[in-house]
């Protein structure tokens, strides 16, 4: 299974799973471009999809909803500053 993150305004909005058979090349490797094309066919040509690695083997980390996409890696957003307790 391959995982893809939908990016909108630099933020991960959802993560979906695509069957390897859908994105396999004739040599049996994953093709990110085939996955993007498949997902754009389902969700619209304007949607932006980026493959993410469940084992964090590439792109910094596994994409989670709300993570930031800097064009190279997924980044966890900074937590909001702590509020003083009244």
N, C-alpha and C. Protein backbone atom coordinates (compact mmCIF):
# COMPACT_ATOMS: atom_id res chain seq x y z
N UNK A 1 0.83 -1.18 0.00
CA UNK A 1 0.00 0.00 0.00
C UNK A 1 0.88 1.25 0.00
N UNK A 2 0.45 2.23 -0.75
CA UNK A 2 1.16 3.50 -0.80
C UNK A 2 0.26 4.57 -0.19
N UNK A 3 0.87 5.50 0.50
CA UNK A 3 0.13 6.57 1.18
C UNK A 3 0.40 7.89 0.49
N UNK A 4 -0.66 8.67 0.30
CA UNK A 4 -0.55 9.98 -0.33
C UNK A 4 -1.26 11.02 0.53
N UNK A 5 -0.64 12.19 0.63
CA UNK A 5 -1.21 13.31 1.38
C UNK A 5 -1.75 14.33 0.40
N UNK A 6 -2.96 14.82 0.69
CA UNK A 6 -3.53 15.91 -0.12
C UNK A 6 -3.12 17.22 0.53
N UNK A 7 -2.48 18.07 -0.26
CA UNK A 7 -1.95 19.34 0.21
C UNK A 7 -2.83 20.47 -0.28
N UNK A 8 -3.16 21.36 0.63
CA UNK A 8 -3.92 22.56 0.27
C UNK A 8 -3.33 23.71 1.08
N UNK A 9 -2.86 24.73 0.38
CA UNK A 9 -2.25 25.89 1.03
C UNK A 9 -1.09 25.50 1.93
N UNK A 10 -0.32 24.48 1.50
CA UNK A 10 0.86 24.06 2.26
C UNK A 10 0.56 23.23 3.49
N UNK A 11 -0.69 22.81 3.65
CA UNK A 11 -1.10 22.04 4.83
C UNK A 11 -1.68 20.70 4.38
N UNK A 12 -1.33 19.63 5.10
CA UNK A 12 -1.89 18.31 4.81
C UNK A 12 -3.34 18.31 5.27
N UNK A 13 -4.26 18.07 4.33
CA UNK A 13 -5.69 18.06 4.64
C UNK A 13 -6.25 16.66 4.84
N UNK A 14 -5.63 15.66 4.17
CA UNK A 14 -6.04 14.28 4.36
C UNK A 14 -4.93 13.37 3.85
N UNK A 15 -4.96 12.12 4.31
CA UNK A 15 -4.00 11.11 3.86
C UNK A 15 -4.83 9.89 3.43
N UNK A 16 -4.53 9.39 2.24
CA UNK A 16 -5.26 8.25 1.70
C UNK A 16 -4.28 7.14 1.33
N UNK A 17 -4.83 5.94 1.20
CA UNK A 17 -4.05 4.77 0.82
C UNK A 17 -4.44 4.37 -0.60
N UNK A 18 -3.43 4.08 -1.41
CA UNK A 18 -3.64 3.63 -2.79
C UNK A 18 -3.01 2.25 -2.93
N UNK A 19 -3.74 1.34 -3.52
CA UNK A 19 -3.25 -0.01 -3.73
C UNK A 19 -2.01 0.01 -4.63
N UNK A 20 -1.03 -0.77 -4.29
CA UNK A 20 0.22 -0.81 -5.07
C UNK A 20 -0.02 -1.18 -6.53
N UNK A 21 -1.04 -1.98 -6.81
CA UNK A 21 -1.31 -2.37 -8.19
C UNK A 21 -1.68 -1.16 -9.05
N UNK A 22 -2.26 -0.14 -8.43
CA UNK A 22 -2.66 1.06 -9.16
C UNK A 22 -1.44 1.87 -9.59
N UNK A 23 -0.40 1.87 -8.78
CA UNK A 23 0.75 2.74 -9.05
C UNK A 23 2.01 1.99 -9.47
N UNK A 24 1.90 0.69 -9.67
CA UNK A 24 3.08 -0.10 -10.02
C UNK A 24 3.54 0.16 -11.45
N UNK A 25 4.84 0.21 -11.62
CA UNK A 25 5.43 0.29 -12.96
C UNK A 25 5.57 -1.13 -13.50
N UNK A 26 5.88 -1.30 -14.78
CA UNK A 26 6.08 -2.65 -15.30
C UNK A 26 7.18 -3.42 -14.56
N UNK A 27 8.15 -2.69 -13.97
CA UNK A 27 9.22 -3.33 -13.22
C UNK A 27 8.79 -3.67 -11.80
N UNK A 28 7.58 -3.25 -11.41
CA UNK A 28 7.08 -3.57 -10.08
C UNK A 28 7.37 -2.52 -9.02
N UNK A 29 7.93 -1.39 -9.42
CA UNK A 29 8.22 -0.32 -8.47
C UNK A 29 7.02 0.61 -8.34
N UNK A 30 6.98 1.36 -7.22
CA UNK A 30 5.94 2.39 -7.06
C UNK A 30 6.25 3.56 -7.96
N UNK A 31 5.22 4.18 -8.49
CA UNK A 31 5.35 5.39 -9.29
C UNK A 31 4.51 6.48 -8.65
N UNK A 32 5.16 7.46 -8.04
CA UNK A 32 4.44 8.56 -7.42
C UNK A 32 3.59 9.30 -8.44
N UNK A 33 4.13 9.49 -9.64
CA UNK A 33 3.38 10.23 -10.65
C UNK A 33 2.10 9.48 -11.05
N UNK A 34 2.14 8.16 -11.10
CA UNK A 34 0.93 7.39 -11.40
C UNK A 34 -0.09 7.54 -10.27
N UNK A 35 0.40 7.58 -9.03
CA UNK A 35 -0.49 7.77 -7.89
C UNK A 35 -1.15 9.14 -7.92
N UNK A 36 -0.37 10.18 -8.22
CA UNK A 36 -0.91 11.54 -8.31
C UNK A 36 -1.99 11.61 -9.39
N UNK A 37 -1.70 11.05 -10.54
CA UNK A 37 -2.65 11.08 -11.67
C UNK A 37 -3.94 10.33 -11.30
N UNK A 38 -3.80 9.18 -10.66
CA UNK A 38 -4.96 8.40 -10.23
C UNK A 38 -5.82 9.21 -9.26
N UNK A 39 -5.19 9.83 -8.26
CA UNK A 39 -5.94 10.59 -7.26
C UNK A 39 -6.56 11.86 -7.85
N UNK A 40 -5.85 12.50 -8.76
CA UNK A 40 -6.44 13.68 -9.41
C UNK A 40 -7.65 13.28 -10.25
N UNK A 41 -7.65 12.07 -10.80
CA UNK A 41 -8.82 11.57 -11.52
C UNK A 41 -10.01 11.38 -10.59
N UNK A 42 -9.74 11.04 -9.33
CA UNK A 42 -10.81 10.84 -8.36
C UNK A 42 -11.26 12.15 -7.71
N UNK A 43 -10.30 13.01 -7.37
CA UNK A 43 -10.58 14.19 -6.55
C UNK A 43 -10.52 15.52 -7.31
N UNK A 44 -10.16 15.47 -8.57
CA UNK A 44 -10.08 16.69 -9.36
C UNK A 44 -8.65 17.00 -9.78
N UNK A 45 -8.53 17.48 -11.00
CA UNK A 45 -7.22 17.73 -11.59
C UNK A 45 -6.42 18.79 -10.83
N UNK A 46 -7.10 19.67 -10.12
CA UNK A 46 -6.41 20.75 -9.40
C UNK A 46 -5.89 20.30 -8.04
N UNK A 47 -6.29 19.10 -7.57
CA UNK A 47 -5.85 18.66 -6.26
C UNK A 47 -4.35 18.33 -6.29
N UNK A 48 -3.69 18.60 -5.18
CA UNK A 48 -2.24 18.35 -5.07
C UNK A 48 -2.01 17.18 -4.14
N UNK A 49 -1.28 16.17 -4.64
CA UNK A 49 -1.00 14.96 -3.87
C UNK A 49 0.50 14.71 -3.81
N UNK A 50 0.97 14.29 -2.64
CA UNK A 50 2.38 13.99 -2.44
C UNK A 50 2.46 12.65 -1.71
N UNK A 51 3.30 11.77 -2.22
CA UNK A 51 3.45 10.47 -1.56
C UNK A 51 4.18 10.65 -0.24
N UNK A 52 3.74 9.92 0.77
CA UNK A 52 4.36 9.96 2.08
C UNK A 52 4.73 8.54 2.48
N UNK A 53 5.67 8.41 3.36
CA UNK A 53 6.18 7.09 3.75
C UNK A 53 5.74 6.76 5.17
N UNK A 54 4.98 5.68 5.31
CA UNK A 54 4.52 5.25 6.63
C UNK A 54 5.69 4.98 7.56
N UNK A 55 6.81 4.52 7.00
CA UNK A 55 8.00 4.24 7.82
C UNK A 55 8.93 5.45 7.90
N UNK A 56 8.49 6.59 7.36
CA UNK A 56 9.28 7.83 7.35
C UNK A 56 10.60 7.65 6.61
N UNK A 57 10.61 6.81 5.58
CA UNK A 57 11.83 6.55 4.81
C UNK A 57 12.21 7.73 3.92
N UNK A 58 11.25 8.61 3.64
CA UNK A 58 11.55 9.80 2.84
C UNK A 58 10.59 10.92 3.24
N UNK A 59 10.95 12.14 2.87
CA UNK A 59 10.16 13.35 3.13
C UNK A 59 10.05 13.70 4.61
N UNK A 60 11.05 13.31 5.37
CA UNK A 60 11.15 13.76 6.75
C UNK A 60 10.35 12.97 7.76
N UNK A 61 9.09 12.72 7.47
CA UNK A 61 8.21 12.00 8.38
C UNK A 61 6.97 11.58 7.63
N UNK A 62 6.18 10.73 8.26
CA UNK A 62 4.88 10.35 7.70
C UNK A 62 3.95 11.55 7.86
N UNK A 63 3.26 11.90 6.80
CA UNK A 63 2.37 13.07 6.83
C UNK A 63 1.14 12.79 7.69
N UNK A 64 0.83 13.75 8.53
CA UNK A 64 -0.38 13.69 9.33
C UNK A 64 -1.24 14.91 9.01
N UNK A 65 -2.53 14.79 9.22
CA UNK A 65 -3.43 15.91 8.96
C UNK A 65 -2.98 17.09 9.82
N UNK A 66 -2.86 18.24 9.18
CA UNK A 66 -2.41 19.45 9.87
C UNK A 66 -0.92 19.69 9.77
N UNK A 67 -0.17 18.69 9.30
CA UNK A 67 1.27 18.90 9.10
C UNK A 67 1.48 19.90 7.97
N UNK A 68 2.65 20.49 7.95
CA UNK A 68 3.01 21.45 6.92
C UNK A 68 3.84 20.77 5.85
N UNK A 69 3.70 21.21 4.61
CA UNK A 69 4.49 20.72 3.48
C UNK A 69 5.32 21.88 2.98
N UNK A 70 6.65 21.72 3.04
CA UNK A 70 7.54 22.81 2.62
C UNK A 70 8.05 22.64 1.20
N UNK A 71 7.50 21.68 0.48
CA UNK A 71 7.93 21.41 -0.89
C UNK A 71 8.95 20.30 -0.98
N UNK A 72 9.52 19.92 0.17
CA UNK A 72 10.48 18.83 0.23
C UNK A 72 10.11 17.82 1.31
N UNK A 73 9.75 18.32 2.48
CA UNK A 73 9.46 17.48 3.64
C UNK A 73 8.16 17.88 4.32
N UNK A 74 7.62 16.92 5.06
CA UNK A 74 6.48 17.19 5.93
C UNK A 74 7.03 17.61 7.29
N UNK A 75 6.42 18.60 7.89
CA UNK A 75 6.91 19.16 9.14
C UNK A 75 5.73 19.28 10.10
N UNK A 76 5.95 18.87 11.35
CA UNK A 76 4.91 19.06 12.36
C UNK A 76 4.80 20.54 12.67
N UNK A 77 3.58 21.06 12.79
CA UNK A 77 3.45 22.48 13.12
C UNK A 77 3.91 22.75 14.54
N UNK A 78 4.33 23.97 14.78
CA UNK A 78 4.74 24.34 16.13
C UNK A 78 3.50 24.38 17.02
N UNK A 79 3.62 23.86 18.25
CA UNK A 79 2.47 23.94 19.14
C UNK A 79 2.23 25.40 19.53
N UNK A 80 0.99 25.74 19.82
CA UNK A 80 0.73 27.12 20.24
C UNK A 80 1.42 27.39 21.57
N UNK A 81 1.77 28.65 21.84
CA UNK A 81 2.43 28.95 23.11
C UNK A 81 1.52 28.61 24.29
N UNK A 82 2.14 28.17 25.35
CA UNK A 82 1.39 27.83 26.55
C UNK A 82 0.72 29.07 27.12
N UNK A 83 -0.48 28.89 27.57
CA UNK A 83 -1.22 30.01 28.18
C UNK A 83 -1.03 29.93 29.69
N UNK A 84 -0.80 31.07 30.31
CA UNK A 84 -0.65 31.03 31.78
C UNK A 84 -1.96 30.60 32.45
N UNK A 85 -1.81 29.88 33.52
CA UNK A 85 -2.97 29.43 34.28
C UNK A 85 -3.40 30.57 35.19
N UNK A 86 -4.69 30.93 35.16
CA UNK A 86 -5.13 32.06 36.02
C UNK A 86 -5.10 31.72 37.49
